[in-house]
Structure formats: structure tokens, C-alpha cells
N, C-alpha and C. Protein backbone atom coordinates (compact mmCIF):
# COMPACT_ATOMS: atom_id res chain seq x y z
N UNK A 1 84.16 85.84 104.56
CA UNK A 1 85.68 85.85 104.52
C UNK A 1 86.19 85.74 102.99
N UNK A 2 87.20 86.30 102.53
CA UNK A 2 87.70 85.91 101.39
C UNK A 2 89.10 85.68 101.55
N UNK A 3 89.41 84.36 101.28
CA UNK A 3 90.66 83.81 101.54
C UNK A 3 90.80 83.12 100.22
N UNK A 4 92.12 83.57 99.67
CA UNK A 4 92.49 83.07 98.30
C UNK A 4 93.91 82.52 98.14
N UNK A 5 94.09 81.27 97.63
CA UNK A 5 95.45 80.71 97.91
C UNK A 5 95.84 80.19 96.33
N UNK A 6 97.04 80.13 96.01
CA UNK A 6 97.57 79.68 94.78
C UNK A 6 97.31 78.12 94.70
N UNK A 7 97.41 77.58 95.93
CA UNK A 7 97.15 76.07 95.76
C UNK A 7 95.57 75.46 95.17
N UNK A 8 94.88 76.56 95.45
CA UNK A 8 93.45 76.12 95.01
C UNK A 8 93.54 76.30 93.54
N UNK A 9 94.37 77.23 92.82
CA UNK A 9 94.27 77.27 91.34
C UNK A 9 95.07 76.04 90.98
N UNK A 10 95.86 75.58 91.55
CA UNK A 10 96.78 74.21 91.02
C UNK A 10 95.55 72.99 91.30
N UNK A 11 94.82 73.00 92.18
CA UNK A 11 93.80 71.83 92.12
C UNK A 11 92.63 72.01 90.92
N UNK A 12 92.40 73.38 90.86
CA UNK A 12 91.16 73.52 89.65
C UNK A 12 92.23 73.28 88.34
N UNK A 13 93.49 73.37 88.07
CA UNK A 13 93.95 73.40 86.80
C UNK A 13 94.08 71.86 86.56
N UNK A 14 94.31 71.06 87.80
CA UNK A 14 94.47 69.40 87.75
C UNK A 14 92.94 69.02 87.19
N UNK A 15 91.84 69.70 87.80
CA UNK A 15 90.45 69.27 87.51
C UNK A 15 90.26 69.46 86.04
N UNK A 16 90.66 70.51 85.50
CA UNK A 16 90.18 71.10 84.09
C UNK A 16 91.11 70.04 83.18
N UNK A 17 92.30 69.64 83.66
CA UNK A 17 92.92 68.63 82.82
C UNK A 17 92.35 67.24 82.49
N UNK A 18 91.48 66.76 83.44
CA UNK A 18 90.92 65.41 83.50
C UNK A 18 90.28 65.12 82.12
N UNK A 19 89.41 65.99 81.60
CA UNK A 19 88.83 65.67 80.35
C UNK A 19 89.66 65.47 79.37
N UNK A 20 90.78 66.09 79.42
CA UNK A 20 91.87 66.05 78.24
C UNK A 20 92.59 64.81 78.36
N UNK A 21 93.00 64.31 79.79
CA UNK A 21 93.70 63.05 79.99
C UNK A 21 92.82 62.19 79.66
N UNK A 22 91.49 62.07 79.72
CA UNK A 22 90.51 60.94 79.50
C UNK A 22 90.00 60.78 78.12
N UNK A 23 90.55 61.69 77.13
CA UNK A 23 90.36 61.47 75.68
C UNK A 23 89.26 62.36 75.28
N UNK A 24 88.82 63.35 76.02
CA UNK A 24 87.80 64.04 75.39
C UNK A 24 88.19 65.04 74.58
N UNK A 25 87.40 65.45 73.37
CA UNK A 25 87.67 66.28 72.54
C UNK A 25 87.44 67.77 73.06
N UNK A 26 88.08 68.79 72.49
CA UNK A 26 87.84 70.07 72.79
C UNK A 26 86.49 70.57 72.55
N UNK A 27 85.91 70.03 71.55
CA UNK A 27 84.63 70.20 71.24
C UNK A 27 83.38 69.79 71.96
N UNK A 28 83.76 68.71 72.68
CA UNK A 28 82.96 68.00 73.60
C UNK A 28 82.10 69.00 74.69
N UNK A 29 80.70 68.94 74.38
CA UNK A 29 79.96 69.82 75.30
C UNK A 29 80.24 69.55 76.57
N UNK A 30 80.61 68.49 77.10
CA UNK A 30 80.92 68.15 78.64
C UNK A 30 82.30 68.68 79.04
N UNK A 31 83.09 69.10 78.11
CA UNK A 31 84.53 69.48 78.51
C UNK A 31 84.45 70.76 79.24
N UNK A 32 85.09 70.61 80.50
CA UNK A 32 85.16 71.74 81.37
C UNK A 32 85.97 73.11 80.90
N UNK A 33 85.11 74.04 80.72
CA UNK A 33 86.03 75.57 80.60
C UNK A 33 85.59 76.16 81.59
N UNK A 34 86.62 77.28 82.08
CA UNK A 34 86.39 78.18 83.21
C UNK A 34 86.99 79.59 82.42
N UNK A 35 86.17 80.37 82.71
CA UNK A 35 86.69 81.95 82.18
C UNK A 35 87.75 82.35 83.20
N UNK A 36 88.48 83.10 82.72
CA UNK A 36 89.73 83.45 83.56
C UNK A 36 89.31 84.30 84.75
N UNK A 37 88.19 85.19 84.64
CA UNK A 37 87.62 85.84 85.89
C UNK A 37 87.16 85.09 86.98
N UNK A 38 86.92 83.81 86.64
CA UNK A 38 86.29 82.85 87.67
C UNK A 38 87.36 81.87 88.17
N UNK A 39 88.62 82.02 87.65
CA UNK A 39 89.72 81.14 88.12
C UNK A 39 90.22 81.65 89.52
N UNK A 40 90.72 80.62 90.44
CA UNK A 40 90.97 81.32 91.67
C UNK A 40 92.28 81.68 91.62
N UNK A 41 92.76 82.59 92.85
CA UNK A 41 94.01 83.15 93.02
C UNK A 41 95.09 82.22 92.74
N UNK A 42 95.90 82.55 91.79
CA UNK A 42 97.21 81.65 91.54
C UNK A 42 97.07 81.36 90.09
N UNK A 43 95.84 81.57 89.33
CA UNK A 43 95.74 80.82 88.19
C UNK A 43 96.54 81.47 87.02
N UNK A 44 96.87 82.85 87.29
CA UNK A 44 97.63 83.72 86.31
C UNK A 44 98.78 84.36 87.03
N UNK A 45 99.60 83.60 87.52
CA UNK A 45 100.66 84.03 88.31
C UNK A 45 101.75 84.90 87.17
N UNK A 46 102.16 85.85 87.65
CA UNK A 46 103.13 86.70 86.90
C UNK A 46 104.51 86.67 87.60
N UNK A 47 105.48 86.72 87.00
CA UNK A 47 106.73 86.61 87.64
C UNK A 47 107.54 87.84 86.85
N UNK A 48 107.77 88.98 87.64
CA UNK A 48 108.57 90.08 87.15
C UNK A 48 109.83 90.29 87.82
N UNK A 49 111.16 90.24 87.28
CA UNK A 49 112.39 90.41 87.82
C UNK A 49 112.87 91.65 87.66
N UNK A 50 112.12 92.45 87.18
CA UNK A 50 113.05 94.11 86.82
C UNK A 50 112.45 95.20 86.87
N UNK A 51 110.79 95.04 86.98
CA UNK A 51 109.84 96.29 86.97
C UNK A 51 109.96 96.81 88.53
N UNK A 52 110.15 96.10 89.56
CA UNK A 52 109.98 96.45 90.94
C UNK A 52 111.43 96.49 91.65
N UNK A 53 111.39 97.10 92.83
CA UNK A 53 112.67 97.05 93.67
C UNK A 53 113.27 95.69 94.03
N UNK A 54 112.33 94.77 94.28
CA UNK A 54 112.88 93.34 94.11
C UNK A 54 111.91 92.44 93.07
N UNK A 55 112.41 91.37 92.88
CA UNK A 55 111.79 90.58 91.95
C UNK A 55 110.44 89.87 92.92
N UNK A 56 109.35 89.97 91.83
CA UNK A 56 108.12 89.59 92.41
C UNK A 56 107.36 88.79 91.77
N UNK A 57 106.43 87.73 92.44
CA UNK A 57 105.61 86.81 91.56
C UNK A 57 104.15 87.01 92.17
N UNK A 58 103.06 87.22 91.41
CA UNK A 58 101.99 87.56 92.18
C UNK A 58 100.88 87.29 90.88
N UNK A 59 99.50 87.25 91.32
CA UNK A 59 98.41 86.94 90.31
C UNK A 59 98.02 88.39 90.00
N UNK A 60 98.15 88.85 88.74
CA UNK A 60 97.94 89.92 88.15
C UNK A 60 96.64 90.54 88.18
N UNK A 61 95.45 89.53 88.22
CA UNK A 61 94.17 89.88 88.19
C UNK A 61 93.86 90.40 89.77
N UNK A 62 94.72 90.23 90.82
CA UNK A 62 94.13 90.88 92.21
C UNK A 62 94.86 91.96 92.62
N UNK A 63 95.98 92.54 91.80
CA UNK A 63 96.70 93.60 92.41
C UNK A 63 96.95 94.62 91.44
N UNK A 64 97.13 95.94 91.60
CA UNK A 64 97.64 96.71 90.83
C UNK A 64 99.15 96.90 90.81
N UNK A 65 99.77 97.35 89.91
CA UNK A 65 101.07 97.51 89.85
C UNK A 65 101.72 98.38 91.00
N UNK A 66 100.97 99.38 91.39
CA UNK A 66 101.24 100.34 92.55
C UNK A 66 101.24 99.52 93.60
N UNK A 67 100.06 98.62 93.88
CA UNK A 67 100.30 97.63 95.08
C UNK A 67 101.52 96.88 95.43
N UNK A 68 101.80 96.17 94.07
CA UNK A 68 102.80 95.24 94.06
C UNK A 68 104.02 96.12 94.35
N UNK A 69 104.09 97.30 93.70
CA UNK A 69 105.60 97.96 93.85
C UNK A 69 105.62 98.20 95.45
N UNK A 70 104.51 98.64 96.36
CA UNK A 70 104.85 98.97 97.64
C UNK A 70 105.23 97.74 98.45
N UNK A 71 104.82 96.60 98.15
CA UNK A 71 105.29 95.39 98.75
C UNK A 71 106.82 95.28 98.47
N UNK A 72 107.00 95.42 96.93
CA UNK A 72 108.53 95.14 96.84
C UNK A 72 109.50 96.24 97.48
N UNK A 73 108.91 97.47 97.59
CA UNK A 73 109.54 98.64 98.31
C UNK A 73 109.64 98.24 99.79
N UNK A 74 108.79 97.70 100.31
CA UNK A 74 109.13 97.15 101.76
C UNK A 74 110.30 96.17 102.01
N UNK A 75 110.11 95.31 101.10
CA UNK A 75 111.36 94.15 101.16
C UNK A 75 112.59 95.01 100.86
N UNK A 76 112.59 96.02 99.81
CA UNK A 76 113.83 96.44 99.45
C UNK A 76 114.43 97.44 100.70
N UNK A 77 113.74 98.23 101.36
CA UNK A 77 113.94 98.94 102.30
C UNK A 77 114.62 98.00 103.38
N UNK A 78 113.97 96.87 103.70
CA UNK A 78 114.76 95.97 104.69
C UNK A 78 115.88 95.31 104.16
N UNK A 79 116.03 94.94 102.96
CA UNK A 79 117.31 94.28 102.31
C UNK A 79 118.33 95.27 102.34
N UNK A 80 117.99 96.73 101.99
CA UNK A 80 119.27 97.61 102.12
C UNK A 80 119.32 98.33 103.23
N UNK A 81 118.66 98.25 104.11
CA UNK A 81 118.46 99.03 105.37
C UNK A 81 118.49 100.53 105.13
N UNK A 82 117.29 100.80 104.59
CA UNK A 82 117.12 102.21 103.77
C UNK A 82 116.07 102.74 104.68
N UNK A 83 116.30 103.50 105.67
CA UNK A 83 115.21 104.15 106.62
C UNK A 83 114.20 105.08 105.71
N UNK A 84 114.87 105.78 104.69
CA UNK A 84 113.88 106.71 104.00
C UNK A 84 113.05 106.07 103.19
N UNK A 85 113.36 104.86 102.63
CA UNK A 85 112.46 104.05 101.87
C UNK A 85 111.55 103.28 102.69
N UNK A 86 111.86 102.83 103.76
CA UNK A 86 110.82 102.28 104.86
C UNK A 86 110.14 103.39 105.39
N UNK A 87 110.34 104.69 105.58
CA UNK A 87 109.43 105.67 105.74
C UNK A 87 108.36 105.94 104.68
N UNK A 88 108.85 105.96 103.34
CA UNK A 88 107.86 105.84 102.49
C UNK A 88 106.88 104.88 102.33
N UNK A 89 107.17 103.63 102.69
CA UNK A 89 106.60 102.52 102.45
C UNK A 89 105.51 102.25 103.50
N UNK A 90 105.81 102.60 104.76
CA UNK A 90 105.03 102.20 105.84
C UNK A 90 104.30 103.44 106.54
N UNK A 91 103.32 102.93 107.65
CA UNK A 91 102.93 104.05 108.42
C UNK A 91 103.82 104.58 109.49
N UNK A 92 104.11 106.09 109.43
CA UNK A 92 104.97 106.80 110.22
C UNK A 92 104.54 106.28 111.82
N UNK A 93 103.38 106.03 112.27
CA UNK A 93 103.05 105.82 113.46
C UNK A 93 103.55 104.32 113.73
N UNK A 94 103.37 103.39 112.83
CA UNK A 94 103.84 102.24 112.89
C UNK A 94 105.33 102.13 112.89
N UNK A 95 106.13 102.85 112.22
CA UNK A 95 107.51 102.89 112.46
C UNK A 95 107.97 103.28 113.66
N UNK A 96 107.35 104.32 114.37
CA UNK A 96 107.57 105.06 115.65
C UNK A 96 107.33 103.76 116.79
N UNK A 97 106.05 103.18 116.57
CA UNK A 97 105.73 102.04 117.29
C UNK A 97 106.87 101.21 117.51
N UNK A 98 107.08 100.64 116.16
CA UNK A 98 108.17 99.54 116.27
C UNK A 98 109.60 99.85 116.87
N UNK A 99 110.00 101.26 116.62
CA UNK A 99 111.09 101.57 117.18
C UNK A 99 111.08 101.90 118.79
N UNK A 100 110.09 102.53 119.17
CA UNK A 100 109.97 103.23 120.61
C UNK A 100 109.53 101.96 121.46
N UNK A 101 108.37 101.18 120.90
CA UNK A 101 107.54 100.48 121.87
C UNK A 101 108.21 98.71 121.87
N UNK A 102 108.17 98.47 120.43
CA UNK A 102 108.65 96.96 120.24
C UNK A 102 110.14 96.66 120.76
N UNK A 103 110.95 97.46 120.10
CA UNK A 103 112.66 96.99 120.05
C UNK A 103 113.45 98.11 120.92
N UNK A 104 112.72 99.31 121.44
CA UNK A 104 113.23 100.28 122.30
C UNK A 104 114.75 100.69 121.60
N UNK A 105 114.36 101.24 120.50
CA UNK A 105 115.90 101.60 119.65
C UNK A 105 115.56 103.05 119.88
N UNK A 106 116.99 103.61 119.44
CA UNK A 106 117.13 105.14 119.42
C UNK A 106 117.01 105.91 118.22
N UNK A 107 117.20 105.06 116.91
CA UNK A 107 117.13 105.76 115.57
C UNK A 107 116.41 104.86 114.73
N UNK A 108 115.95 105.40 113.40
CA UNK A 108 115.48 104.70 112.39
C UNK A 108 116.51 103.76 111.91
N UNK A 109 117.76 103.99 111.86
CA UNK A 109 118.89 103.40 111.48
C UNK A 109 118.85 102.10 112.26
N UNK A 110 118.76 102.25 113.13
CA UNK A 110 118.69 101.04 114.19
C UNK A 110 117.74 100.08 114.08
N UNK A 111 116.57 100.47 113.72
CA UNK A 111 115.46 99.78 113.23
C UNK A 111 115.69 98.87 112.18
N UNK A 112 116.13 99.58 111.01
CA UNK A 112 116.24 98.84 109.78
C UNK A 112 117.58 97.82 110.04
N UNK A 113 118.40 98.09 110.88
CA UNK A 113 119.41 96.92 111.15
C UNK A 113 118.95 95.80 111.85
N UNK A 114 117.97 96.15 112.68
CA UNK A 114 117.42 95.04 113.58
C UNK A 114 116.29 94.31 112.48
N UNK A 115 115.47 94.83 111.65
CA UNK A 115 114.65 93.99 110.54
C UNK A 115 115.38 93.45 109.62
N UNK A 116 116.52 93.86 109.04
CA UNK A 116 117.55 93.31 108.25
C UNK A 116 118.04 92.01 109.03
N UNK A 117 118.68 92.27 110.12
CA UNK A 117 119.03 91.05 110.97
C UNK A 117 118.08 90.10 111.07
N UNK A 118 116.70 90.23 111.08
CA UNK A 118 115.90 88.98 111.11
C UNK A 118 115.73 88.28 109.88
N UNK A 119 115.76 88.97 108.77
CA UNK A 119 115.83 88.28 107.54
C UNK A 119 117.15 87.50 107.29
N UNK A 120 118.22 87.82 107.73
CA UNK A 120 119.63 87.43 107.62
C UNK A 120 119.62 86.00 108.32
N UNK A 121 118.91 85.78 109.43
CA UNK A 121 118.74 84.66 109.92
C UNK A 121 120.10 84.17 110.18
N UNK A 122 121.00 84.86 111.15
CA UNK A 122 122.23 84.50 111.58
C UNK A 122 123.37 84.24 110.76
N UNK A 123 123.06 84.30 109.48
CA UNK A 123 124.42 84.19 108.56
C UNK A 123 125.34 85.29 108.69
N UNK A 124 126.59 85.06 108.73
CA UNK A 124 127.57 86.08 108.59
C UNK A 124 127.75 86.87 107.18
N UNK A 125 127.15 86.25 106.20
CA UNK A 125 127.03 86.89 104.94
C UNK A 125 125.94 87.65 104.86
N UNK A 126 126.00 88.78 103.76
CA UNK A 126 124.81 89.54 103.52
C UNK A 126 124.06 89.00 102.56
N UNK A 127 122.79 89.50 102.17
CA UNK A 127 121.93 88.65 101.24
C UNK A 127 121.31 89.78 100.30
N UNK A 128 120.26 89.16 99.40
CA UNK A 128 119.37 89.98 98.55
C UNK A 128 118.30 89.12 98.26
N UNK A 129 117.13 89.55 98.21
CA UNK A 129 115.89 88.82 97.75
C UNK A 129 115.82 88.67 96.38
N UNK A 130 116.09 87.15 95.83
CA UNK A 130 116.00 86.95 94.51
C UNK A 130 114.59 86.49 93.93
N UNK A 131 113.54 86.42 94.83
CA UNK A 131 112.17 86.45 94.48
C UNK A 131 111.35 86.60 95.77
N UNK A 132 110.19 87.23 95.70
CA UNK A 132 109.26 87.51 96.65
C UNK A 132 107.94 87.14 96.08
N UNK A 133 107.19 85.95 96.50
CA UNK A 133 106.16 85.35 95.69
C UNK A 133 104.71 85.54 96.78
N UNK A 134 103.80 86.23 96.20
CA UNK A 134 102.57 86.30 97.13
C UNK A 134 101.81 85.15 96.66
N UNK A 135 101.69 84.24 97.71
CA UNK A 135 100.83 82.85 97.61
C UNK A 135 99.42 83.04 97.81
N UNK A 136 99.24 83.96 98.52
CA UNK A 136 97.44 83.95 99.12
C UNK A 136 97.44 85.25 99.43
N UNK A 137 95.98 85.76 99.63
CA UNK A 137 95.52 86.86 100.07
C UNK A 137 94.12 86.60 100.93
N UNK A 138 94.08 87.46 102.03
CA UNK A 138 92.94 87.56 102.77
C UNK A 138 92.40 88.99 102.94
N UNK A 139 91.17 89.36 102.79
CA UNK A 139 90.79 90.76 102.61
C UNK A 139 89.86 91.02 103.84
N UNK A 140 89.69 89.89 104.87
CA UNK A 140 88.69 90.03 105.86
C UNK A 140 89.22 90.69 107.13
N UNK A 141 89.19 92.00 107.35
CA UNK A 141 89.77 92.57 108.64
C UNK A 141 89.16 92.07 110.02
N UNK A 142 88.18 91.30 109.95
CA UNK A 142 87.76 90.90 111.20
C UNK A 142 87.95 89.31 111.50
N UNK A 143 89.02 88.72 110.92
CA UNK A 143 89.52 87.47 111.24
C UNK A 143 90.83 87.19 111.01
N UNK A 144 91.35 86.35 111.67
CA UNK A 144 92.87 85.98 111.33
C UNK A 144 93.89 86.74 111.68
N UNK A 145 95.03 86.72 110.95
CA UNK A 145 96.10 87.61 111.06
C UNK A 145 95.98 89.15 110.97
N UNK A 146 95.04 89.32 109.98
CA UNK A 146 94.59 90.76 109.70
C UNK A 146 93.91 91.50 110.70
N UNK A 147 92.91 90.56 111.35
CA UNK A 147 92.17 91.20 112.79
C UNK A 147 93.40 91.71 113.60
N UNK A 148 94.20 90.76 113.96
CA UNK A 148 95.21 91.04 114.95
C UNK A 148 95.98 92.30 114.72
N UNK A 149 96.32 92.59 113.20
CA UNK A 149 97.09 93.61 112.81
C UNK A 149 96.46 94.73 113.06
N UNK A 150 95.00 94.76 112.71
CA UNK A 150 94.38 95.97 112.59
C UNK A 150 93.99 96.43 113.98
N UNK A 151 93.96 95.46 114.94
CA UNK A 151 93.72 95.86 116.40
C UNK A 151 95.08 96.60 116.83
N UNK A 152 96.35 95.88 116.61
CA UNK A 152 97.47 96.65 117.02
C UNK A 152 97.63 97.91 116.26
N UNK A 153 97.36 98.23 115.05
CA UNK A 153 97.56 99.56 114.61
C UNK A 153 96.53 100.47 114.96
N UNK A 154 95.29 100.02 115.60
CA UNK A 154 94.28 100.81 115.93
C UNK A 154 94.75 101.38 117.34
N UNK A 155 95.63 100.69 118.20
CA UNK A 155 96.13 101.03 119.47
C UNK A 155 97.23 101.99 119.22
N UNK A 156 98.22 101.53 118.02
CA UNK A 156 99.35 102.61 117.92
C UNK A 156 98.81 103.81 117.03
N UNK A 157 97.76 103.99 116.66
CA UNK A 157 97.15 105.05 116.01
C UNK A 157 97.46 106.32 116.68
N UNK A 158 98.33 107.50 116.26
CA UNK A 158 98.45 108.53 117.01
C UNK A 158 97.85 109.71 116.51
N UNK A 159 96.63 109.67 115.55
CA UNK A 159 95.73 110.62 115.22
C UNK A 159 94.67 110.60 115.76
N UNK A 160 93.69 111.84 115.77
CA UNK A 160 92.27 111.60 116.48
C UNK A 160 91.60 110.81 115.54
N UNK A 161 90.38 110.18 116.15
CA UNK A 161 89.66 109.29 115.37
C UNK A 161 90.01 107.80 115.35
N UNK A 162 89.38 107.13 114.51
CA UNK A 162 89.52 105.57 114.43
C UNK A 162 90.44 105.13 113.19
N UNK A 163 91.34 104.35 113.45
CA UNK A 163 92.20 104.15 112.31
C UNK A 163 91.53 103.49 111.13
N UNK A 164 90.57 102.40 111.53
CA UNK A 164 89.81 101.93 110.38
C UNK A 164 88.83 102.68 109.61
N UNK A 165 88.77 104.13 110.10
CA UNK A 165 87.87 104.91 109.38
C UNK A 165 88.53 105.36 108.40
N UNK A 166 89.93 105.35 108.50
CA UNK A 166 90.70 105.81 107.33
C UNK A 166 91.16 104.77 106.28
N UNK A 167 90.79 103.60 106.39
CA UNK A 167 91.18 102.41 105.50
C UNK A 167 90.06 102.15 104.50
N UNK A 168 90.53 102.24 103.30
CA UNK A 168 89.55 101.85 102.00
C UNK A 168 89.43 100.44 101.97
N UNK A 169 90.89 99.63 102.03
CA UNK A 169 90.80 98.33 101.78
C UNK A 169 92.21 97.88 102.47
N UNK A 170 92.23 96.50 102.71
CA UNK A 170 93.46 95.94 103.39
C UNK A 170 93.46 94.42 103.02
N UNK A 171 94.53 94.15 102.96
CA UNK A 171 95.10 92.67 102.59
C UNK A 171 95.97 91.93 103.57
N UNK A 172 95.78 90.92 103.72
CA UNK A 172 96.70 89.89 104.59
C UNK A 172 97.33 89.35 103.55
N UNK A 173 98.72 89.38 103.19
CA UNK A 173 99.21 88.51 102.08
C UNK A 173 100.13 87.56 102.63
N UNK A 174 100.11 86.19 102.11
CA UNK A 174 100.77 85.20 102.56
C UNK A 174 101.97 85.16 101.51
N UNK A 175 103.18 85.16 101.86
CA UNK A 175 104.33 85.30 100.97
C UNK A 175 105.42 84.36 101.43
N UNK A 176 106.21 84.04 100.29
CA UNK A 176 107.56 83.14 100.46
C UNK A 176 108.49 84.15 99.93
N UNK A 177 109.51 83.88 100.36
CA UNK A 177 110.58 84.54 99.49
C UNK A 177 111.85 83.63 99.58
N UNK A 178 112.70 83.81 98.59
CA UNK A 178 114.14 83.30 98.36
C UNK A 178 115.22 84.40 98.43
N UNK A 179 116.06 84.18 99.36
CA UNK A 179 117.18 85.05 99.41
C UNK A 179 118.45 84.40 99.03
N UNK A 180 119.27 85.11 98.47
CA UNK A 180 120.71 84.71 98.17
C UNK A 180 121.74 85.36 98.90
N UNK A 181 122.68 84.66 99.47
CA UNK A 181 123.75 85.25 100.22
C UNK A 181 124.77 85.62 99.23
N UNK A 182 125.35 86.68 99.37
CA UNK A 182 125.99 87.76 98.36
C UNK A 182 127.33 86.79 98.15
N UNK A 183 127.87 86.34 98.97
CA UNK A 183 129.32 85.75 98.90
C UNK A 183 129.34 84.36 98.31
N UNK A 184 128.75 83.55 98.85
CA UNK A 184 129.01 81.98 98.82
C UNK A 184 127.81 81.55 97.86
N UNK A 185 126.71 82.37 97.45
CA UNK A 185 125.75 82.00 96.22
C UNK A 185 124.83 80.98 96.87
N UNK A 186 124.80 80.63 98.37
CA UNK A 186 123.72 79.73 98.67
C UNK A 186 122.54 80.35 98.97
N UNK A 187 121.45 79.73 98.91
CA UNK A 187 120.12 80.42 99.05
C UNK A 187 119.26 79.72 100.13
N UNK A 188 118.31 80.48 100.50
CA UNK A 188 117.47 79.93 101.64
C UNK A 188 115.87 80.53 101.16
N UNK A 189 114.89 79.57 101.43
CA UNK A 189 113.56 79.66 101.26
C UNK A 189 112.95 79.79 102.40
N UNK A 190 112.06 80.89 102.55
CA UNK A 190 111.17 81.06 103.70
C UNK A 190 109.77 81.12 103.29
N UNK A 191 108.85 80.22 103.87
CA UNK A 191 107.51 80.26 103.42
C UNK A 191 106.48 80.75 104.82
N UNK A 192 105.23 81.13 104.33
CA UNK A 192 104.10 81.19 104.99
C UNK A 192 104.40 82.37 105.97
N UNK A 193 104.82 83.32 105.45
CA UNK A 193 105.16 84.62 106.21
C UNK A 193 103.89 85.63 105.73
N UNK A 194 103.79 86.71 106.43
CA UNK A 194 102.74 87.40 106.26
C UNK A 194 103.15 89.04 106.06
N UNK A 195 102.69 89.76 104.86
CA UNK A 195 102.75 91.12 104.55
C UNK A 195 101.44 91.77 104.50
N UNK A 196 101.22 92.68 105.30
CA UNK A 196 99.84 93.43 105.25
C UNK A 196 99.86 94.90 104.48
N UNK A 197 98.97 95.03 103.62
CA UNK A 197 98.68 96.05 102.90
C UNK A 197 97.61 96.76 102.89
N UNK A 198 97.70 98.15 103.29
CA UNK A 198 96.42 99.02 103.48
C UNK A 198 96.28 100.18 102.47
N UNK A 199 95.20 100.06 101.72
CA UNK A 199 94.96 101.50 101.15
C UNK A 199 94.14 102.27 101.97
N UNK A 200 94.57 103.48 102.23
CA UNK A 200 93.88 104.51 103.14
C UNK A 200 93.65 105.92 102.27
N UNK A 201 92.97 106.58 103.01
CA UNK A 201 92.82 107.88 102.53
C UNK A 201 93.99 108.79 102.33
N UNK A 202 94.78 108.20 102.76
CA UNK A 202 96.38 109.27 102.80
C UNK A 202 97.25 108.24 102.30
N UNK A 203 96.91 107.28 101.28
CA UNK A 203 97.82 106.52 100.58
C UNK A 203 97.95 105.09 100.73
N UNK A 204 98.82 104.40 99.92
CA UNK A 204 99.11 103.02 100.18
C UNK A 204 100.37 102.81 101.23
N UNK A 205 100.01 101.60 102.02
CA UNK A 205 101.14 101.32 102.81
C UNK A 205 101.35 100.04 103.21
N UNK A 206 102.53 99.41 103.45
CA UNK A 206 102.76 98.09 103.67
C UNK A 206 103.51 97.94 104.84
N UNK A 207 103.19 96.73 105.44
CA UNK A 207 104.19 96.41 106.87
C UNK A 207 104.13 94.84 107.02
N UNK A 208 105.22 94.45 107.89
CA UNK A 208 105.31 93.02 108.25
C UNK A 208 105.91 93.08 109.48
């Protein structure tokens, strides 16, 4: 199982700091040095507020810009209630499953309004995402939240064959986001949410 968390990087950073705090010299052979490629997820977080559809924070070593852009597009589609962007971002069969089976809605516009309202969390004011942070990732489709989502997608898959036969890699991303309400400038932070990213033979898709 591959489960990587930003908190592990913080613990490692504290461990690496101990020789410095105890007065060890940089040339001390006992000084702990770790190559960047060996550091855990979160050691090289990047914050980008302009390159994607919403501001994103992520460890640059573990994602391509295309993958981060797809996650950002998912949040932007919900933020802006944009059914065309949502259709570009997620599986068409999953959008249909949400609309017809989960929420019993008549249109894609109604689905976007429903998803938008979940993020809005009861406020009368509208919002925008001021930051979406990817805190951790899991790449094991046989355990945890990812296993449940893979099973759900397999049941909803409306083409011939097995859904997972089309999947080249998949991520369970643990995310937190900050939203700003447009009128009163109040903010709200939501943590420990999940976004799922799939690279398939037909392209890259995200869902939550």
C-alpha cells in the first residue's frame, strides 16, 4: 500500500533539524542528509495561485501539471456551476450515475447546482476556492476509500468489459480547501476530504 502524507514530511523535517539544534557542524559525517527523491510526500510543497483554474498546493514531485490541472478543473466546475467543464473533467458515465441514480435530477445544470450547494454549506452568500491543498495520496485500489470508489465505478460503468481494465493509474487524494464568501470576506476551511484521480486509456478524469 502506498499512502503518503504531508505530516510525514513535517516529522522528517524536525528529525533532520535535530543535529543542527544540537550544535552539529554541516561537515559532521554523522549529520543527517536526505536526498530530495527520498523525502516523503509534502517535503516539497508548491503553492500556485495563478496557473490553474483554482489556487492549488501540492508536492510537485508526485504530480504532473496536467494532473493538478484536472483536479483544479473539478473544483472550478463545482464553484462556477459549469456543466460543460464538469463533463470535461469527470467520467460521462459517472456524471450520469450521479444525476440519475444518486440525486434523481433532470439535468446536468441541476446536478451542478446540487454539488455547489454541498460546498456552500448553508450560507446565503456565494463562495470561491481560495486554496485547494493536496495533503496526502494513496495509490492502492484494493484498500480504503479508493477500493470503494473503484467498486462503485465498476458497477456504474456502462461500456463492455471491466472498468479497471481501462485504468493505468489511480489516486485517492486527501485534500483540504479554503473557501471565501464573496460578500462578507469570511472564510471556511474544510479538511480530510477525498478527490479521486484516474488515468485511463481514454484520458485523465477526476471525481469527488
